[in-house]
Amino acid sequence: MNTDSIQSAVSTSAPARRTRPPKRKTRITIYLDDEVLKEFRNLSERCGTGYQTLINAALRNRLNGPVIESGVA
């Protein structure tokens, strides 16, 4: 097999794989009040965004907002 046939075989073989973007999320298990989950699911149906995405956005907004001492540990 000469170099031309090797290059031809390489170029016609399976396409190059794309690299995955860096992982930015972690799977967790969390317990939420039924009422809270119900409201996020209802909001999800109304706006067409996944309820987990909405929960993530709510948590992110809370972390970026002003710090309020609530007495909750």
PDB file of N, CA and C in Angstrom:
ATOM      1  N   MET A   1       0.854  -1.169   0.000  1.00  0.00           N
ATOM      2  CA  MET A   1       0.000   0.000   0.000  1.00  0.00           C
ATOM      3  C   MET A   1       0.901   1.234   0.000  1.00  0.00           C
ATOM      4  N   ASN A   2       0.696   2.127  -0.937  1.00  0.00           N
ATOM      5  CA  ASN A   2       1.519   3.330  -0.985  1.00  0.00           C
ATOM      6  C   ASN A   2       0.858   4.449  -0.189  1.00  0.00           C
ATOM      7  N   THR A   3       1.557   5.587  -0.045  1.00  0.00           N
ATOM      8  CA  THR A   3       1.051   6.692   0.781  1.00  0.00           C
ATOM      9  C   THR A   3      -0.210   7.311   0.205  1.00  0.00           C
ATOM     10  N   ASP A   4      -0.379   7.312  -1.115  1.00  0.00           N
ATOM     11  CA  ASP A   4      -1.591   7.864  -1.711  1.00  0.00           C
ATOM     12  C   ASP A   4      -2.819   7.053  -1.308  1.00  0.00           C
ATOM     13  N   SER A   5      -2.687   5.752  -1.341  1.00  0.00           N
ATOM     14  CA  SER A   5      -3.836   4.922  -0.982  1.00  0.00           C
ATOM     15  C   SER A   5      -4.136   5.016   0.520  1.00  0.00           C
ATOM     16  N   ILE A   6      -3.121   5.224   1.342  1.00  0.00           N
ATOM     17  CA  ILE A   6      -3.330   5.392   2.780  1.00  0.00           C
ATOM     18  C   ILE A   6      -4.078   6.702   3.039  1.00  0.00           C
ATOM     19  N   GLN A   7      -3.634   7.783   2.413  1.00  0.00           N
ATOM     20  CA  GLN A   7      -4.308   9.067   2.591  1.00  0.00           C
ATOM     21  C   GLN A   7      -5.738   9.003   2.072  1.00  0.00           C
ATOM     22  N   SER A   8      -5.950   8.331   0.978  1.00  0.00           N
ATOM     23  CA  SER A   8      -7.288   8.175   0.422  1.00  0.00           C
ATOM     24  C   SER A   8      -8.172   7.388   1.380  1.00  0.00           C
ATOM     25  N   ALA A   9      -7.638   6.334   1.974  1.00  0.00           N
ATOM     26  CA  ALA A   9      -8.400   5.523   2.930  1.00  0.00           C
ATOM     27  C   ALA A   9      -8.737   6.329   4.171  1.00  0.00           C
ATOM     28  N   VAL A  10      -7.801   7.163   4.636  1.00  0.00           N
ATOM     29  CA  VAL A  10      -8.030   7.980   5.825  1.00  0.00           C
ATOM     30  C   VAL A  10      -9.090   9.029   5.534  1.00  0.00           C
ATOM     31  N   SER A  11      -9.024   9.662   4.373  1.00  0.00           N
ATOM     32  CA  SER A  11      -9.954  10.738   4.076  1.00  0.00           C
ATOM     33  C   SER A  11     -11.366  10.227   3.800  1.00  0.00           C
ATOM     34  N   THR A  12     -11.520   8.973   3.398  1.00  0.00           N
ATOM     35  CA  THR A  12     -12.845   8.430   3.129  1.00  0.00           C
ATOM     36  C   THR A  12     -13.392   7.631   4.301  1.00  0.00           C
ATOM     37  N   SER A  13     -12.634   7.484   5.360  1.00  0.00           N
ATOM     38  CA  SER A  13     -13.122   6.742   6.517  1.00  0.00           C
ATOM     39  C   SER A  13     -14.102   7.618   7.303  1.00  0.00           C
ATOM     40  N   ALA A  14     -14.476   7.166   8.446  1.00  0.00           N
ATOM     41  CA  ALA A  14     -15.464   7.864   9.276  1.00  0.00           C
ATOM     42  C   ALA A  14     -15.082   9.323   9.480  1.00  0.00           C
ATOM     43  N   PRO A  15     -16.096  10.196   9.516  1.00  0.00           N
ATOM     44  CA  PRO A  15     -15.800  11.616   9.726  1.00  0.00           C
ATOM     45  C   PRO A  15     -15.170  11.860  11.097  1.00  0.00           C
ATOM     46  N   ALA A  16     -14.387  12.908  11.177  1.00  0.00           N
ATOM     47  CA  ALA A  16     -13.719  13.243  12.436  1.00  0.00           C
ATOM     48  C   ALA A  16     -14.776  13.601  13.478  1.00  0.00           C
ATOM     49  N   ARG A  17     -14.555  13.141  14.682  1.00  0.00           N
ATOM     50  CA  ARG A  17     -15.492  13.450  15.767  1.00  0.00           C
ATOM     51  C   ARG A  17     -15.281  14.868  16.261  1.00  0.00           C
ATOM     52  N   ARG A  18     -16.396  15.500  16.566  1.00  0.00           N
ATOM     53  CA  ARG A  18     -16.293  16.824  17.174  1.00  0.00           C
ATOM     54  C   ARG A  18     -16.012  16.647  18.651  1.00  0.00           C
ATOM     55  N   THR A  19     -15.234  17.552  19.189  1.00  0.00           N
ATOM     56  CA  THR A  19     -14.973  17.475  20.625  1.00  0.00           C
ATOM     57  C   THR A  19     -16.178  18.032  21.361  1.00  0.00           C
ATOM     58  N   ARG A  20     -16.451  17.463  22.500  1.00  0.00           N
ATOM     59  CA  ARG A  20     -17.581  17.921  23.309  1.00  0.00           C
ATOM     60  C   ARG A  20     -17.231  19.227  24.004  1.00  0.00           C
ATOM     61  N   PRO A  21     -18.229  20.085  24.155  1.00  0.00           N
ATOM     62  CA  PRO A  21     -17.970  21.315  24.920  1.00  0.00           C
ATOM     63  C   PRO A  21     -17.743  20.949  26.382  1.00  0.00           C
ATOM     64  N   PRO A  22     -17.070  21.804  27.117  1.00  0.00           N
ATOM     65  CA  PRO A  22     -16.819  21.487  28.532  1.00  0.00           C
ATOM     66  C   PRO A  22     -18.136  21.323  29.293  1.00  0.00           C
ATOM     67  N   LYS A  23     -18.153  20.378  30.193  1.00  0.00           N
ATOM     68  CA  LYS A  23     -19.341  20.116  31.000  1.00  0.00           C
ATOM     69  C   LYS A  23     -19.545  21.268  31.970  1.00  0.00           C
ATOM     70  N   ARG A  24     -20.749  21.835  31.965  1.00  0.00           N
ATOM     71  CA  ARG A  24     -21.016  22.980  32.818  1.00  0.00           C
ATOM     72  C   ARG A  24     -22.094  22.706  33.855  1.00  0.00           C
ATOM     73  N   LYS A  25     -22.650  21.508  33.837  1.00  0.00           N
ATOM     74  CA  LYS A  25     -23.731  21.188  34.765  1.00  0.00           C
ATOM     75  C   LYS A  25     -23.447  19.843  35.423  1.00  0.00           C
ATOM     76  N   THR A  26     -24.004  19.668  36.607  1.00  0.00           N
ATOM     77  CA  THR A  26     -23.831  18.442  37.371  1.00  0.00           C
ATOM     78  C   THR A  26     -25.203  17.889  37.721  1.00  0.00           C
ATOM     79  N   ARG A  27     -25.382  16.605  37.518  1.00  0.00           N
ATOM     80  CA  ARG A  27     -26.648  15.953  37.880  1.00  0.00           C
ATOM     81  C   ARG A  27     -26.687  15.774  39.393  1.00  0.00           C
ATOM     82  N   ILE A  28     -27.809  16.185  40.001  1.00  0.00           N
ATOM     83  CA  ILE A  28     -27.987  16.024  41.443  1.00  0.00           C
ATOM     84  C   ILE A  28     -29.385  15.487  41.713  1.00  0.00           C
ATOM     85  N   THR A  29     -29.607  15.091  42.949  1.00  0.00           N
ATOM     86  CA  THR A  29     -30.946  14.747  43.422  1.00  0.00           C
ATOM     87  C   THR A  29     -31.306  15.773  44.475  1.00  0.00           C
ATOM     88  N   ILE A  30     -32.493  16.361  44.343  1.00  0.00           N
ATOM     89  CA  ILE A  30     -32.921  17.402  45.275  1.00  0.00           C
ATOM     90  C   ILE A  30     -34.396  17.183  45.594  1.00  0.00           C
ATOM     91  N   TYR A  31     -34.764  17.415  46.826  1.00  0.00           N
ATOM     92  CA  TYR A  31     -36.150  17.318  47.238  1.00  0.00           C
ATOM     93  C   TYR A  31     -36.733  18.717  47.305  1.00  0.00           C
ATOM     94  N   LEU A  32     -37.833  18.934  46.577  1.00  0.00           N
ATOM     95  CA  LEU A  32     -38.527  20.214  46.571  1.00  0.00           C
ATOM     96  C   LEU A  32     -39.945  20.003  47.070  1.00  0.00           C
ATOM     97  N   ASP A  33     -40.528  21.043  47.653  1.00  0.00           N
ATOM     98  CA  ASP A  33     -41.931  20.961  48.048  1.00  0.00           C
ATOM     99  C   ASP A  33     -42.775  20.702  46.807  1.00  0.00           C
ATOM    100  N   ASP A  34     -43.826  19.902  46.971  1.00  0.00           N
ATOM    101  CA  ASP A  34     -44.702  19.589  45.843  1.00  0.00           C
ATOM    102  C   ASP A  34     -45.269  20.850  45.198  1.00  0.00           C
ATOM    103  N   GLU A  35     -45.641  21.831  46.039  1.00  0.00           N
ATOM    104  CA  GLU A  35     -46.227  23.070  45.522  1.00  0.00           C
ATOM    105  C   GLU A  35     -45.221  23.853  44.674  1.00  0.00           C
ATOM    106  N   VAL A  36     -43.972  23.862  45.105  1.00  0.00           N
ATOM    107  CA  VAL A  36     -42.923  24.575  44.370  1.00  0.00           C
ATOM    108  C   VAL A  36     -42.717  23.926  43.005  1.00  0.00           C
ATOM    109  N   LEU A  37     -42.593  22.609  42.998  1.00  0.00           N
ATOM    110  CA  LEU A  37     -42.387  21.895  41.747  1.00  0.00           C
ATOM    111  C   LEU A  37     -43.583  22.073  40.817  1.00  0.00           C
ATOM    112  N   LYS A  38     -44.791  22.024  41.380  1.00  0.00           N
ATOM    113  CA  LYS A  38     -46.004  22.212  40.574  1.00  0.00           C
ATOM    114  C   LYS A  38     -46.005  23.581  39.904  1.00  0.00           C
ATOM    115  N   GLU A  39     -45.636  24.617  40.642  1.00  0.00           N
ATOM    116  CA  GLU A  39     -45.606  25.969  40.074  1.00  0.00           C
ATOM    117  C   GLU A  39     -44.573  26.100  38.963  1.00  0.00           C
ATOM    118  N   PHE A  40     -43.393  25.509  39.154  1.00  0.00           N
ATOM    119  CA  PHE A  40     -42.374  25.563  38.099  1.00  0.00           C
ATOM    120  C   PHE A  40     -42.825  24.781  36.867  1.00  0.00           C
ATOM    121  N   ARG A  41     -43.490  23.660  37.063  1.00  0.00           N
ATOM    122  CA  ARG A  41     -43.990  22.891  35.917  1.00  0.00           C
ATOM    123  C   ARG A  41     -45.089  23.646  35.183  1.00  0.00           C
ATOM    124  N   ASN A  42     -45.989  24.307  35.936  1.00  0.00           N
ATOM    125  CA  ASN A  42     -47.034  25.123  35.302  1.00  0.00           C
ATOM    126  C   ASN A  42     -46.417  26.280  34.513  1.00  0.00           C
ATOM    127  N   LEU A  43     -45.447  26.956  35.110  1.00  0.00           N
ATOM    128  CA  LEU A  43     -44.755  28.047  34.425  1.00  0.00           C
ATOM    129  C   LEU A  43     -44.052  27.532  33.180  1.00  0.00           C
ATOM    130  N   SER A  44     -43.495  26.358  33.285  1.00  0.00           N
ATOM    131  CA  SER A  44     -42.805  25.733  32.156  1.00  0.00           C
ATOM    132  C   SER A  44     -43.761  25.521  30.981  1.00  0.00           C
ATOM    133  N   GLU A  45     -44.952  25.045  31.261  1.00  0.00           N
ATOM    134  CA  GLU A  45     -45.942  24.819  30.202  1.00  0.00           C
ATOM    135  C   GLU A  45     -46.390  26.132  29.569  1.00  0.00           C
ATOM    136  N   ARG A  46     -46.511  27.177  30.391  1.00  0.00           N
ATOM    137  CA  ARG A  46     -46.962  28.478  29.868  1.00  0.00           C
ATOM    138  C   ARG A  46     -45.922  29.146  28.997  1.00  0.00           C
ATOM    139  N   CYS A  47     -44.646  29.049  29.373  1.00  0.00           N
ATOM    140  CA  CYS A  47     -43.613  29.795  28.636  1.00  0.00           C
ATOM    141  C   CYS A  47     -42.810  28.927  27.670  1.00  0.00           C
ATOM    142  N   GLY A  48     -42.974  27.598  27.731  1.00  0.00           N
ATOM    143  CA  GLY A  48     -42.285  26.731  26.782  1.00  0.00           C
ATOM    144  C   GLY A  48     -40.825  26.463  27.094  1.00  0.00           C
ATOM    145  N   THR A  49     -40.417  26.747  28.325  1.00  0.00           N
ATOM    146  CA  THR A  49     -39.049  26.470  28.770  1.00  0.00           C
ATOM    147  C   THR A  49     -39.113  25.343  29.784  1.00  0.00           C
ATOM    148  N   GLY A  50     -38.127  24.467  29.791  1.00  0.00           N
ATOM    149  CA  GLY A  50     -38.115  23.341  30.725  1.00  0.00           C
ATOM    150  C   GLY A  50     -38.138  23.798  32.179  1.00  0.00           C
ATOM    151  N   TYR A  51     -38.841  23.029  33.011  1.00  0.00           N
ATOM    152  CA  TYR A  51     -38.951  23.431  34.414  1.00  0.00           C
ATOM    153  C   TYR A  51     -37.608  23.394  35.137  1.00  0.00           C
ATOM    154  N   GLN A  52     -36.715  22.489  34.760  1.00  0.00           N
ATOM    155  CA  GLN A  52     -35.401  22.454  35.400  1.00  0.00           C
ATOM    156  C   GLN A  52     -34.606  23.694  35.025  1.00  0.00           C
ATOM    157  N   THR A  53     -34.755  24.154  33.788  1.00  0.00           N
ATOM    158  CA  THR A  53     -34.092  25.384  33.351  1.00  0.00           C
ATOM    159  C   THR A  53     -34.621  26.566  34.151  1.00  0.00           C
ATOM    160  N   LEU A  54     -35.921  26.596  34.396  1.00  0.00           N
ATOM    161  CA  LEU A  54     -36.521  27.689  35.177  1.00  0.00           C
ATOM    162  C   LEU A  54     -36.041  27.675  36.623  1.00  0.00           C
ATOM    163  N   ILE A  55     -35.953  26.483  37.201  1.00  0.00           N
ATOM    164  CA  ILE A  55     -35.440  26.373  38.577  1.00  0.00           C
ATOM    165  C   ILE A  55     -33.997  26.858  38.631  1.00  0.00           C
ATOM    166  N   ASN A  56     -33.190  26.471  37.652  1.00  0.00           N
ATOM    167  CA  ASN A  56     -31.799  26.898  37.594  1.00  0.00           C
ATOM    168  C   ASN A  56     -31.711  28.423  37.483  1.00  0.00           C
ATOM    169  N   ALA A  57     -32.561  29.009  36.641  1.00  0.00           N
ATOM    170  CA  ALA A  57     -32.560  30.466  36.465  1.00  0.00           C
ATOM    171  C   ALA A  57     -32.973  31.168  37.762  1.00  0.00           C
ATOM    172  N   ALA A  58     -33.964  30.623  38.463  1.00  0.00           N
ATOM    173  CA  ALA A  58     -34.403  31.218  39.728  1.00  0.00           C
ATOM    174  C   ALA A  58     -33.286  31.170  40.769  1.00  0.00           C
ATOM    175  N   LEU A  59     -32.589  30.049  40.836  1.00  0.00           N
ATOM    176  CA  LEU A  59     -31.475  29.935  41.787  1.00  0.00           C
ATOM    177  C   LEU A  59     -30.341  30.887  41.422  1.00  0.00           C
ATOM    178  N   ARG A  60     -30.046  30.974  40.120  1.00  0.00           N
ATOM    179  CA  ARG A  60     -28.988  31.877  39.667  1.00  0.00           C
ATOM    180  C   ARG A  60     -29.338  33.334  39.984  1.00  0.00           C
ATOM    181  N   ASN A  61     -30.601  33.716  39.737  1.00  0.00           N
ATOM    182  CA  ASN A  61     -31.034  35.088  40.054  1.00  0.00           C
ATOM    183  C   ASN A  61     -30.905  35.372  41.541  1.00  0.00           C
ATOM    184  N   ARG A  62     -31.251  34.384  42.350  1.00  0.00           N
ATOM    185  CA  ARG A  62     -31.143  34.563  43.809  1.00  0.00           C
ATOM    186  C   ARG A  62     -29.686  34.735  44.225  1.00  0.00           C
ATOM    187  N   LEU A  63     -28.785  33.982  43.628  1.00  0.00           N
ATOM    188  CA  LEU A  63     -27.365  34.089  43.974  1.00  0.00           C
ATOM    189  C   LEU A  63     -26.781  35.420  43.516  1.00  0.00           C
ATOM    190  N   ASN A  64     -27.280  35.951  42.405  1.00  0.00           N
ATOM    191  CA  ASN A  64     -26.765  37.218  41.881  1.00  0.00           C
ATOM    192  C   ASN A  64     -27.438  38.434  42.507  1.00  0.00           C
ATOM    193  N   GLY A  65     -28.502  38.214  43.272  1.00  0.00           N
ATOM    194  CA  GLY A  65     -29.236  39.317  43.877  1.00  0.00           C
ATOM    195  C   GLY A  65     -28.578  39.792  45.167  1.00  0.00           C
ATOM    196  N   PRO A  66     -29.208  40.773  45.804  1.00  0.00           N
ATOM    197  CA  PRO A  66     -28.654  41.286  47.073  1.00  0.00           C
ATOM    198  C   PRO A  66     -28.727  40.230  48.169  1.00  0.00           C
ATOM    199  N   VAL A  67     -27.763  40.270  49.050  1.00  0.00           N
ATOM    200  CA  VAL A  67     -27.706  39.318  50.159  1.00  0.00           C
ATOM    201  C   VAL A  67     -28.641  39.824  51.255  1.00  0.00           C
ATOM    202  N   ILE A  68     -29.602  39.001  51.623  1.00  0.00           N
ATOM    203  CA  ILE A  68     -30.566  39.348  52.662  1.00  0.00           C
ATOM    204  C   ILE A  68     -30.448  38.323  53.778  1.00  0.00           C
ATOM    205  N   GLU A  69     -30.230  38.812  54.989  1.00  0.00           N
ATOM    206  CA  GLU A  69     -30.156  37.910  56.134  1.00  0.00           C
ATOM    207  C   GLU A  69     -31.561  37.430  56.447  1.00  0.00           C
ATOM    208  N   SER A  70     -31.784  36.130  56.336  1.00  0.00           N
ATOM    209  CA  SER A  70     -33.123  35.599  56.558  1.00  0.00           C
ATOM    210  C   SER A  70     -33.228  34.788  57.840  1.00  0.00           C
ATOM    211  N   GLY A  71     -32.106  34.474  58.429  1.00  0.00           N
ATOM    212  CA  GLY A  71     -32.121  33.663  59.638  1.00  0.00           C
ATOM    213  C   GLY A  71     -32.241  32.180  59.348  1.00  0.00           C
ATOM    214  N   VAL A  72     -32.279  31.812  58.068  1.00  0.00           N
ATOM    215  CA  VAL A  72     -32.355  30.399  57.680  1.00  0.00           C
ATOM    216  C   VAL A  72     -30.943  29.883  57.527  1.00  0.00           C
ATOM    217  N   ALA A  73     -30.643  28.788  58.191  1.00  0.00           N
ATOM    218  CA  ALA A  73     -29.289  28.221  58.124  1.00  0.00           C
ATOM    219  C   ALA A  73     -29.125  27.316  56.949  1.00  0.00           C
TER     220      ALA A  73
END
